[in-house]
């Protein structure tokens, strides 16, 4: 997923950009960046039993991965309350080799 800024909003989105790589994603997904960042840091703190600052470098070093499944389009006011965490899978493990 790639970060995409949104005009007229204070937040951006992470979204599948398979087309940018010349491929087609069978289940493209997107999620608000601030929600995903908050979720990831919160889960990392739980998994590592730390209360301190969490940096991007730490997350990468520890092989943190969050998978975002495709959600449904549209929705009402409840959709603005926060992410549907049932769509998210959090793992910590060895950093995958390229």
PDB file of N, CA and C in Angstrom:
ATOM      1  N   UNK A   1       0.835  -1.169   0.000  1.00  0.00           N
ATOM      2  CA  UNK A   1       0.000   0.000   0.000  1.00  0.00           C
ATOM      3  C   UNK A   1       0.887   1.242   0.000  1.00  0.00           C
ATOM      4  N   UNK A   2       0.361   2.284  -0.561  1.00  0.00           N
ATOM      5  CA  UNK A   2       1.084   3.534  -0.665  1.00  0.00           C
ATOM      6  C   UNK A   2       0.280   4.649  -0.006  1.00  0.00           C
ATOM      7  N   UNK A   3       0.983   5.643   0.503  1.00  0.00           N
ATOM      8  CA  UNK A   3       0.322   6.792   1.102  1.00  0.00           C
ATOM      9  C   UNK A   3      -0.108   7.755   0.004  1.00  0.00           C
ATOM     10  N   UNK A   4      -1.330   8.248   0.123  1.00  0.00           N
ATOM     11  CA  UNK A   4      -1.847   9.243  -0.819  1.00  0.00           C
ATOM     12  C   UNK A   4      -2.460  10.384  -0.026  1.00  0.00           C
ATOM     13  N   UNK A   5      -1.969  11.599  -0.231  1.00  0.00           N
ATOM     14  CA  UNK A   5      -2.528  12.772   0.441  1.00  0.00           C
ATOM     15  C   UNK A   5      -3.910  13.060  -0.139  1.00  0.00           C
ATOM     16  N   UNK A   6      -4.752  13.659   0.689  1.00  0.00           N
ATOM     17  CA  UNK A   6      -6.104  14.016   0.234  1.00  0.00           C
ATOM     18  C   UNK A   6      -6.267  15.517   0.335  1.00  0.00           C
ATOM     19  N   UNK A   7      -6.635  16.135  -0.752  1.00  0.00           N
ATOM     20  CA  UNK A   7      -6.859  17.580  -0.742  1.00  0.00           C
ATOM     21  C   UNK A   7      -8.059  17.897   0.138  1.00  0.00           C
ATOM     22  N   UNK A   8      -7.955  18.996   0.893  1.00  0.00           N
ATOM     23  CA  UNK A   8      -9.028  19.499   1.758  1.00  0.00           C
ATOM     24  C   UNK A   8      -9.267  18.624   2.990  1.00  0.00           C
ATOM     25  N   UNK A   9      -8.391  17.656   3.254  1.00  0.00           N
ATOM     26  CA  UNK A   9      -8.497  16.821   4.452  1.00  0.00           C
ATOM     27  C   UNK A   9      -7.177  16.880   5.207  1.00  0.00           C
ATOM     28  N   UNK A  10      -7.249  16.711   6.521  1.00  0.00           N
ATOM     29  CA  UNK A  10      -6.028  16.736   7.330  1.00  0.00           C
ATOM     30  C   UNK A  10      -5.339  15.378   7.349  1.00  0.00           C
ATOM     31  N   UNK A  11      -5.925  14.395   6.736  1.00  0.00           N
ATOM     32  CA  UNK A  11      -5.352  13.049   6.731  1.00  0.00           C
ATOM     33  C   UNK A  11      -5.215  12.563   5.295  1.00  0.00           C
ATOM     34  N   UNK A  12      -4.455  11.501   5.134  1.00  0.00           N
ATOM     35  CA  UNK A  12      -4.325  10.854   3.836  1.00  0.00           C
ATOM     36  C   UNK A  12      -4.823   9.426   3.940  1.00  0.00           C
ATOM     37  N   UNK A  13      -4.613   8.682   2.917  1.00  0.00           N
ATOM     38  CA  UNK A  13      -5.026   7.281   2.881  1.00  0.00           C
ATOM     39  C   UNK A  13      -3.845   6.408   2.484  1.00  0.00           C
ATOM     40  N   UNK A  14      -3.893   5.158   2.941  1.00  0.00           N
ATOM     41  CA  UNK A  14      -3.039   4.128   2.376  1.00  0.00           C
ATOM     42  C   UNK A  14      -3.939   3.349   1.438  1.00  0.00           C
ATOM     43  N   UNK A  15      -3.482   3.136   0.225  1.00  0.00           N
ATOM     44  CA  UNK A  15      -4.313   2.397  -0.715  1.00  0.00           C
ATOM     45  C   UNK A  15      -3.456   1.527  -1.618  1.00  0.00           C
ATOM     46  N   UNK A  16      -4.103   0.520  -2.162  1.00  0.00           N
ATOM     47  CA  UNK A  16      -3.442  -0.399  -3.079  1.00  0.00           C
ATOM     48  C   UNK A  16      -3.148   0.339  -4.371  1.00  0.00           C
ATOM     49  N   UNK A  17      -1.954   0.236  -4.823  1.00  0.00           N
ATOM     50  CA  UNK A  17      -1.563   0.892  -6.069  1.00  0.00           C
ATOM     51  C   UNK A  17      -0.984  -0.136  -7.039  1.00  0.00           C
ATOM     52  N   UNK A  18      -1.664  -1.253  -7.162  1.00  0.00           N
ATOM     53  CA  UNK A  18      -1.189  -2.304  -8.046  1.00  0.00           C
ATOM     54  C   UNK A  18      -1.036  -1.799  -9.477  1.00  0.00           C
ATOM     55  N   UNK A  19      -1.940  -0.929  -9.892  1.00  0.00           N
ATOM     56  CA  UNK A  19      -1.872  -0.410 -11.257  1.00  0.00           C
ATOM     57  C   UNK A  19      -0.569   0.341 -11.504  1.00  0.00           C
ATOM     58  N   UNK A  20      -0.019   0.987 -10.464  1.00  0.00           N
ATOM     59  CA  UNK A  20       1.240   1.713 -10.611  1.00  0.00           C
ATOM     60  C   UNK A  20       2.396   0.757 -10.899  1.00  0.00           C
ATOM     61  N   UNK A  21       2.228  -0.501 -10.479  1.00  0.00           N
ATOM     62  CA  UNK A  21       3.258  -1.524 -10.737  1.00  0.00           C
ATOM     63  C   UNK A  21       2.970  -2.306 -12.010  1.00  0.00           C
ATOM     64  N   UNK A  22       1.884  -1.958 -12.679  1.00  0.00           N
ATOM     65  CA  UNK A  22       1.527  -2.659 -13.908  1.00  0.00           C
ATOM     66  C   UNK A  22       0.822  -3.972 -13.668  1.00  0.00           C
ATOM     67  N   UNK A  23       0.244  -4.157 -12.468  1.00  0.00           N
ATOM     68  CA  UNK A  23      -0.480  -5.385 -12.158  1.00  0.00           C
ATOM     69  C   UNK A  23      -1.917  -5.032 -11.763  1.00  0.00           C
ATOM     70  N   UNK A  24      -2.705  -6.044 -11.583  1.00  0.00           N
ATOM     71  CA  UNK A  24      -4.083  -5.865 -11.143  1.00  0.00           C
ATOM     72  C   UNK A  24      -4.260  -6.564  -9.811  1.00  0.00           C
ATOM     73  N   UNK A  25      -4.786  -5.852  -8.836  1.00  0.00           N
ATOM     74  CA  UNK A  25      -5.044  -6.423  -7.517  1.00  0.00           C
ATOM     75  C   UNK A  25      -6.441  -7.037  -7.522  1.00  0.00           C
ATOM     76  N   UNK A  26      -6.586  -8.292  -7.107  1.00  0.00           N
ATOM     77  CA  UNK A  26      -7.899  -8.921  -7.109  1.00  0.00           C
ATOM     78  C   UNK A  26      -8.834  -8.361  -6.025  1.00  0.00           C
ATOM     79  N   UNK A  27      -8.278  -7.733  -5.008  1.00  0.00           N
ATOM     80  CA  UNK A  27      -9.093  -7.181  -3.913  1.00  0.00           C
ATOM     81  C   UNK A  27      -8.478  -5.885  -3.414  1.00  0.00           C
ATOM     82  N   UNK A  28      -8.510  -4.811  -4.223  1.00  0.00           N
ATOM     83  CA  UNK A  28      -7.894  -3.561  -3.809  1.00  0.00           C
ATOM     84  C   UNK A  28      -8.529  -3.024  -2.530  1.00  0.00           C
ATOM     85  N   UNK A  29      -7.701  -2.489  -1.654  1.00  0.00           N
ATOM     86  CA  UNK A  29      -8.177  -1.980  -0.373  1.00  0.00           C
ATOM     87  C   UNK A  29      -7.572  -0.612  -0.110  1.00  0.00           C
ATOM     88  N   UNK A  30      -8.230   0.147   0.760  1.00  0.00           N
ATOM     89  CA  UNK A  30      -7.728   1.452   1.180  1.00  0.00           C
ATOM     90  C   UNK A  30      -8.196   1.693   2.610  1.00  0.00           C
ATOM     91  N   UNK A  31      -7.447   2.519   3.354  1.00  0.00           N
ATOM     92  CA  UNK A  31      -7.808   2.843   4.726  1.00  0.00           C
ATOM     93  C   UNK A  31      -7.188   4.193   5.076  1.00  0.00           C
ATOM     94  N   UNK A  32      -7.870   4.931   5.941  1.00  0.00           N
ATOM     95  CA  UNK A  32      -7.313   6.219   6.374  1.00  0.00           C
ATOM     96  C   UNK A  32      -5.968   5.989   7.046  1.00  0.00           C
ATOM     97  N   UNK A  33      -4.996   6.790   6.680  1.00  0.00           N
ATOM     98  CA  UNK A  33      -3.636   6.636   7.188  1.00  0.00           C
ATOM     99  C   UNK A  33      -3.560   6.839   8.698  1.00  0.00           C
ATOM    100  N   UNK A  34      -4.248   7.857   9.229  1.00  0.00           N
ATOM    101  CA  UNK A  34      -4.160   8.093  10.670  1.00  0.00           C
ATOM    102  C   UNK A  34      -4.743   6.937  11.459  1.00  0.00           C
ATOM    103  N   UNK A  35      -5.805   6.326  10.975  1.00  0.00           N
ATOM    104  CA  UNK A  35      -6.373   5.167  11.660  1.00  0.00           C
ATOM    105  C   UNK A  35      -5.418   3.985  11.638  1.00  0.00           C
ATOM    106  N   UNK A  36      -4.840   3.721  10.481  1.00  0.00           N
ATOM    107  CA  UNK A  36      -3.937   2.575  10.374  1.00  0.00           C
ATOM    108  C   UNK A  36      -2.667   2.789  11.194  1.00  0.00           C
ATOM    109  N   UNK A  37      -2.137   4.002  11.182  1.00  0.00           N
ATOM    110  CA  UNK A  37      -0.945   4.296  11.983  1.00  0.00           C
ATOM    111  C   UNK A  37      -1.229   4.091  13.473  1.00  0.00           C
ATOM    112  N   UNK A  38      -2.352   4.615  13.945  1.00  0.00           N
ATOM    113  CA  UNK A  38      -2.715   4.480  15.358  1.00  0.00           C
ATOM    114  C   UNK A  38      -2.921   3.009  15.736  1.00  0.00           C
ATOM    115  N   UNK A  39      -3.613   2.263  14.896  1.00  0.00           N
ATOM    116  CA  UNK A  39      -3.834   0.834  15.129  1.00  0.00           C
ATOM    117  C   UNK A  39      -2.507   0.083  15.204  1.00  0.00           C
ATOM    118  N   UNK A  40      -1.620   0.350  14.255  1.00  0.00           N
ATOM    119  CA  UNK A  40      -0.344  -0.354  14.187  1.00  0.00           C
ATOM    120  C   UNK A  40       0.506  -0.085  15.427  1.00  0.00           C
ATOM    121  N   UNK A  41       0.622   1.161  15.823  1.00  0.00           N
ATOM    122  CA  UNK A  41       1.425   1.508  17.005  1.00  0.00           C
ATOM    123  C   UNK A  41       0.810   0.903  18.262  1.00  0.00           C
ATOM    124  N   UNK A  42      -0.504   0.957  18.382  1.00  0.00           N
ATOM    125  CA  UNK A  42      -1.188   0.385  19.543  1.00  0.00           C
ATOM    126  C   UNK A  42      -0.936  -1.118  19.652  1.00  0.00           C
ATOM    127  N   UNK A  43      -1.096  -1.827  18.553  1.00  0.00           N
ATOM    128  CA  UNK A  43      -0.867  -3.286  18.561  1.00  0.00           C
ATOM    129  C   UNK A  43       0.602  -3.617  18.812  1.00  0.00           C
ATOM    130  N   UNK A  44       1.518  -2.805  18.267  1.00  0.00           N
ATOM    131  CA  UNK A  44       2.941  -3.028  18.497  1.00  0.00           C
ATOM    132  C   UNK A  44       3.271  -2.854  19.976  1.00  0.00           C
ATOM    133  N   UNK A  45       2.714  -1.817  20.588  1.00  0.00           N
ATOM    134  CA  UNK A  45       2.955  -1.608  22.023  1.00  0.00           C
ATOM    135  C   UNK A  45       2.458  -2.795  22.837  1.00  0.00           C
ATOM    136  N   UNK A  46       1.302  -3.329  22.494  1.00  0.00           N
ATOM    137  CA  UNK A  46       0.785  -4.517  23.185  1.00  0.00           C
ATOM    138  C   UNK A  46       1.727  -5.705  23.000  1.00  0.00           C
ATOM    139  N   UNK A  47       2.146  -5.943  21.760  1.00  0.00           N
ATOM    140  CA  UNK A  47       2.977  -7.109  21.453  1.00  0.00           C
ATOM    141  C   UNK A  47       4.365  -7.026  22.063  1.00  0.00           C
ATOM    142  N   UNK A  48       4.908  -5.819  22.159  1.00  0.00           N
ATOM    143  CA  UNK A  48       6.269  -5.658  22.667  1.00  0.00           C
ATOM    144  C   UNK A  48       6.315  -5.185  24.109  1.00  0.00           C
ATOM    145  N   UNK A  49       5.148  -4.975  24.711  1.00  0.00           N
ATOM    146  CA  UNK A  49       5.049  -4.513  26.105  1.00  0.00           C
ATOM    147  C   UNK A  49       5.889  -3.257  26.333  1.00  0.00           C
ATOM    148  N   UNK A  50       5.719  -2.278  25.452  1.00  0.00           N
ATOM    149  CA  UNK A  50       6.443  -1.022  25.574  1.00  0.00           C
ATOM    150  C   UNK A  50       5.466   0.143  25.602  1.00  0.00           C
ATOM    151  N   UNK A  51       5.824   1.166  26.360  1.00  0.00           N
ATOM    152  CA  UNK A  51       5.003   2.375  26.411  1.00  0.00           C
ATOM    153  C   UNK A  51       5.700   3.552  25.744  1.00  0.00           C
ATOM    154  N   UNK A  52       6.943   3.377  25.356  1.00  0.00           N
ATOM    155  CA  UNK A  52       7.730   4.473  24.803  1.00  0.00           C
ATOM    156  C   UNK A  52       7.351   4.805  23.378  1.00  0.00           C
ATOM    157  N   UNK A  53       8.119   5.741  22.831  1.00  0.00           N
ATOM    158  CA  UNK A  53       7.914   6.152  21.448  1.00  0.00           C
ATOM    159  C   UNK A  53       8.153   4.968  20.513  1.00  0.00           C
ATOM    160  N   UNK A  54       7.336   4.870  19.500  1.00  0.00           N
ATOM    161  CA  UNK A  54       7.483   3.820  18.492  1.00  0.00           C
ATOM    162  C   UNK A  54       7.809   4.502  17.173  1.00  0.00           C
ATOM    163  N   UNK A  55       8.926   4.109  16.577  1.00  0.00           N
ATOM    164  CA  UNK A  55       9.350   4.717  15.320  1.00  0.00           C
ATOM    165  C   UNK A  55       9.117   3.771  14.153  1.00  0.00           C
ATOM    166  N   UNK A  56       9.081   4.356  12.987  1.00  0.00           N
ATOM    167  CA  UNK A  56       8.946   3.559  11.764  1.00  0.00           C
ATOM    168  C   UNK A  56      10.094   2.557  11.652  1.00  0.00           C
ATOM    169  N   UNK A  57      11.289   2.994  12.040  1.00  0.00           N
ATOM    170  CA  UNK A  57      12.454   2.121  11.974  1.00  0.00           C
ATOM    171  C   UNK A  57      12.278   0.893  12.864  1.00  0.00           C
ATOM    172  N   UNK A  58      11.721   1.080  14.065  1.00  0.00           N
ATOM    173  CA  UNK A  58      11.462  -0.058  14.957  1.00  0.00           C
ATOM    174  C   UNK A  58      10.494  -1.039  14.303  1.00  0.00           C
ATOM    175  N   UNK A  59       9.424  -0.516  13.751  1.00  0.00           N
ATOM    176  CA  UNK A  59       8.416  -1.371  13.133  1.00  0.00           C
ATOM    177  C   UNK A  59       9.016  -2.175  11.989  1.00  0.00           C
ATOM    178  N   UNK A  60       9.827  -1.528  11.161  1.00  0.00           N
ATOM    179  CA  UNK A  60      10.468  -2.223  10.050  1.00  0.00           C
ATOM    180  C   UNK A  60      11.474  -3.258  10.551  1.00  0.00           C
ATOM    181  N   UNK A  61      12.282  -2.875  11.535  1.00  0.00           N
ATOM    182  CA  UNK A  61      13.289  -3.783  12.084  1.00  0.00           C
ATOM    183  C   UNK A  61      12.657  -5.042  12.666  1.00  0.00           C
ATOM    184  N   UNK A  62      11.521  -4.873  13.322  1.00  0.00           N
ATOM    185  CA  UNK A  62      10.858  -6.002  13.967  1.00  0.00           C
ATOM    186  C   UNK A  62       9.907  -6.758  13.047  1.00  0.00           C
ATOM    187  N   UNK A  63       9.873  -6.372  11.775  1.00  0.00           N
ATOM    188  CA  UNK A  63       9.068  -7.098  10.792  1.00  0.00           C
ATOM    189  C   UNK A  63       7.573  -6.954  10.997  1.00  0.00           C
ATOM    190  N   UNK A  64       7.137  -5.796  11.465  1.00  0.00           N
ATOM    191  CA  UNK A  64       5.707  -5.573  11.667  1.00  0.00           C
ATOM    192  C   UNK A  64       5.024  -5.457  10.312  1.00  0.00           C
ATOM    193  N   UNK A  65       3.918  -6.180  10.184  1.00  0.00           N
ATOM    194  CA  UNK A  65       3.125  -6.122   8.960  1.00  0.00           C
ATOM    195  C   UNK A  65       1.657  -6.041   9.341  1.00  0.00           C
ATOM    196  N   UNK A  66       0.933  -5.202   8.634  1.00  0.00           N
ATOM    197  CA  UNK A  66      -0.513  -5.122   8.806  1.00  0.00           C
ATOM    198  C   UNK A  66      -1.129  -5.329   7.427  1.00  0.00           C
ATOM    199  N   UNK A  67      -1.989  -6.317   7.336  1.00  0.00           N
ATOM    200  CA  UNK A  67      -2.683  -6.599   6.100  1.00  0.00           C
ATOM    201  C   UNK A  67      -4.080  -5.989   6.196  1.00  0.00           C
ATOM    202  N   UNK A  68      -4.490  -5.299   5.155  1.00  0.00           N
ATOM    203  CA  UNK A  68      -5.801  -4.664   5.107  1.00  0.00           C
ATOM    204  C   UNK A  68      -6.631  -5.382   4.051  1.00  0.00           C
ATOM    205  N   UNK A  69      -7.718  -6.018   4.499  1.00  0.00           N
ATOM    206  CA  UNK A  69      -8.608  -6.700   3.564  1.00  0.00           C
ATOM    207  C   UNK A  69      -9.573  -5.694   2.951  1.00  0.00           C
ATOM    208  N   UNK A  70     -10.065  -6.029   1.801  1.00  0.00           N
ATOM    209  CA  UNK A  70     -11.015  -5.152   1.121  1.00  0.00           C
ATOM    210  C   UNK A  70     -12.275  -5.017   1.961  1.00  0.00           C
ATOM    211  N   UNK A  71     -12.757  -3.793   2.082  1.00  0.00           N
ATOM    212  CA  UNK A  71     -13.994  -3.525   2.807  1.00  0.00           C
ATOM    213  C   UNK A  71     -15.111  -3.228   1.834  1.00  0.00           C
ATOM    214  N   UNK A  72     -16.234  -2.843   2.378  1.00  0.00           N
ATOM    215  CA  UNK A  72     -17.360  -2.501   1.506  1.00  0.00           C
ATOM    216  C   UNK A  72     -17.340  -1.001   1.210  1.00  0.00           C
ATOM    217  N   UNK A  73     -17.890  -0.618   0.117  1.00  0.00           N
ATOM    218  CA  UNK A  73     -17.976   0.794  -0.249  1.00  0.00           C
ATOM    219  C   UNK A  73     -19.154   1.450   0.454  1.00  0.00           C
ATOM    220  N   UNK A  74     -19.068   2.759   0.564  1.00  0.00           N
ATOM    221  CA  UNK A  74     -20.181   3.507   1.141  1.00  0.00           C
ATOM    222  C   UNK A  74     -20.209   3.392   2.651  1.00  0.00           C
ATOM    223  N   UNK A  75     -21.374   3.569   3.233  1.00  0.00           N
ATOM    224  CA  UNK A  75     -21.511   3.475   4.677  1.00  0.00           C
ATOM    225  C   UNK A  75     -22.105   4.745   5.236  1.00  0.00           C
ATOM    226  N   UNK A  76     -22.553   4.664   6.454  1.00  0.00           N
ATOM    227  CA  UNK A  76     -23.172   5.806   7.107  1.00  0.00           C
ATOM    228  C   UNK A  76     -22.242   6.436   8.109  1.00  0.00           C
ATOM    229  N   UNK A  77     -22.812   7.170   9.062  1.00  0.00           N
ATOM    230  CA  UNK A  77     -22.017   7.885  10.064  1.00  0.00           C
ATOM    231  C   UNK A  77     -21.110   6.968  10.894  1.00  0.00           C
ATOM    232  N   UNK A  78     -21.525   5.721  11.100  1.00  0.00           N
ATOM    233  CA  UNK A  78     -20.697   4.797  11.887  1.00  0.00           C
ATOM    234  C   UNK A  78     -19.347   4.555  11.229  1.00  0.00           C
ATOM    235  N   UNK A  79     -19.273   4.744   9.942  1.00  0.00           N
ATOM    236  CA  UNK A  79     -18.022   4.536   9.222  1.00  0.00           C
ATOM    237  C   UNK A  79     -16.980   5.585   9.609  1.00  0.00           C
ATOM    238  N   UNK A  80     -17.430   6.749  10.079  1.00  0.00           N
ATOM    239  CA  UNK A  80     -16.516   7.819  10.462  1.00  0.00           C
ATOM    240  C   UNK A  80     -15.956   7.630  11.869  1.00  0.00           C
ATOM    241  N   UNK A  81     -16.440   6.641  12.598  1.00  0.00           N
ATOM    242  CA  UNK A  81     -16.033   6.427  13.990  1.00  0.00           C
ATOM    243  C   UNK A  81     -14.630   5.844  14.111  1.00  0.00           C
ATOM    244  N   UNK A  82     -14.143   5.188  13.095  1.00  0.00           N
ATOM    245  CA  UNK A  82     -12.828   4.567  13.156  1.00  0.00           C
ATOM    246  C   UNK A  82     -12.758   3.376  12.229  1.00  0.00           C
ATOM    247  N   UNK A  83     -11.624   2.709  12.211  1.00  0.00           N
ATOM    248  CA  UNK A  83     -11.446   1.611  11.258  1.00  0.00           C
ATOM    249  C   UNK A  83     -12.238   0.376  11.656  1.00  0.00           C
ATOM    250  N   UNK A  84     -12.604  -0.394  10.669  1.00  0.00           N
ATOM    251  CA  UNK A  84     -13.207  -1.705  10.883  1.00  0.00           C
ATOM    252  C   UNK A  84     -12.041  -2.662  11.111  1.00  0.00           C
ATOM    253  N   UNK A  85     -11.691  -2.899  12.386  1.00  0.00           N
ATOM    254  CA  UNK A  85     -10.488  -3.690  12.672  1.00  0.00           C
ATOM    255  C   UNK A  85     -10.637  -5.154  12.279  1.00  0.00           C
ATOM    256  N   UNK A  86     -11.855  -5.592  11.972  1.00  0.00           N
ATOM    257  CA  UNK A  86     -12.014  -6.969  11.488  1.00  0.00           C
ATOM    258  C   UNK A  86     -11.338  -7.137  10.126  1.00  0.00           C
ATOM    259  N   UNK A  87     -11.043  -6.031   9.440  1.00  0.00           N
ATOM    260  CA  UNK A  87     -10.359  -6.078   8.144  1.00  0.00           C
ATOM    261  C   UNK A  87      -8.843  -6.118   8.282  1.00  0.00           C
ATOM    262  N   UNK A  88      -8.325  -5.960   9.509  1.00  0.00           N
ATOM    263  CA  UNK A  88      -6.888  -5.803   9.713  1.00  0.00           C
ATOM    264  C   UNK A  88      -6.275  -7.045  10.344  1.00  0.00           C
ATOM    265  N   UNK A  89      -5.113  -7.423   9.857  1.00  0.00           N
ATOM    266  CA  UNK A  89      -4.343  -8.528  10.420  1.00  0.00           C
ATOM    267  C   UNK A  89      -2.966  -7.989  10.767  1.00  0.00           C
ATOM    268  N   UNK A  90      -2.578  -8.123  12.047  1.00  0.00           N
ATOM    269  CA  UNK A  90      -1.312  -7.600  12.547  1.00  0.00           C
ATOM    270  C   UNK A  90      -0.375  -8.761  12.842  1.00  0.00           C
ATOM    271  N   UNK A  91       0.859  -8.679  12.343  1.00  0.00           N
ATOM    272  CA  UNK A  91       1.862  -9.697  12.656  1.00  0.00           C
ATOM    273  C   UNK A  91       3.209  -9.036  12.937  1.00  0.00           C
ATOM    274  N   UNK A  92       3.996  -9.690  13.777  1.00  0.00           N
ATOM    275  CA  UNK A  92       5.366  -9.278  14.057  1.00  0.00           C
ATOM    276  C   UNK A  92       6.232 -10.489  13.769  1.00  0.00           C
ATOM    277  N   UNK A  93       7.297 -10.292  13.039  1.00  0.00           N
ATOM    278  CA  UNK A  93       8.155 -11.413  12.736  1.00  0.00           C
ATOM    279  C   UNK A  93       9.355 -10.967  11.938  1.00  0.00           C
ATOM    280  N   UNK A  94      10.102 -11.918  11.443  1.00  0.00           N
ATOM    281  CA  UNK A  94      11.295 -11.571  10.660  1.00  0.00           C
ATOM    282  C   UNK A  94      10.918 -10.714   9.457  1.00  0.00           C
ATOM    283  N   UNK A  95      11.749  -9.750   9.190  1.00  0.00           N
ATOM    284  CA  UNK A  95      11.520  -8.894   8.019  1.00  0.00           C
ATOM    285  C   UNK A  95      11.690  -9.733   6.760  1.00  0.00           C
ATOM    286  N   UNK A  96      10.704  -9.681   5.875  1.00  0.00           N
ATOM    287  CA  UNK A  96      10.820 -10.467   4.642  1.00  0.00           C
ATOM    288  C   UNK A  96      11.996 -10.005   3.793  1.00  0.00           C
ATOM    289  N   UNK A  97      12.646 -10.921   3.166  1.00  0.00           N
ATOM    290  CA  UNK A  97      13.770 -10.596   2.273  1.00  0.00           C
ATOM    291  C   UNK A  97      13.235 -10.257   0.891  1.00  0.00           C
ATOM    292  N   UNK A  98      13.827  -9.234   0.255  1.00  0.00           N
ATOM    293  CA  UNK A  98      13.358  -8.851  -1.090  1.00  0.00           C
ATOM    294  C   UNK A  98      13.649  -9.912  -2.139  1.00  0.00           C
TER     295      UNK A  98
END
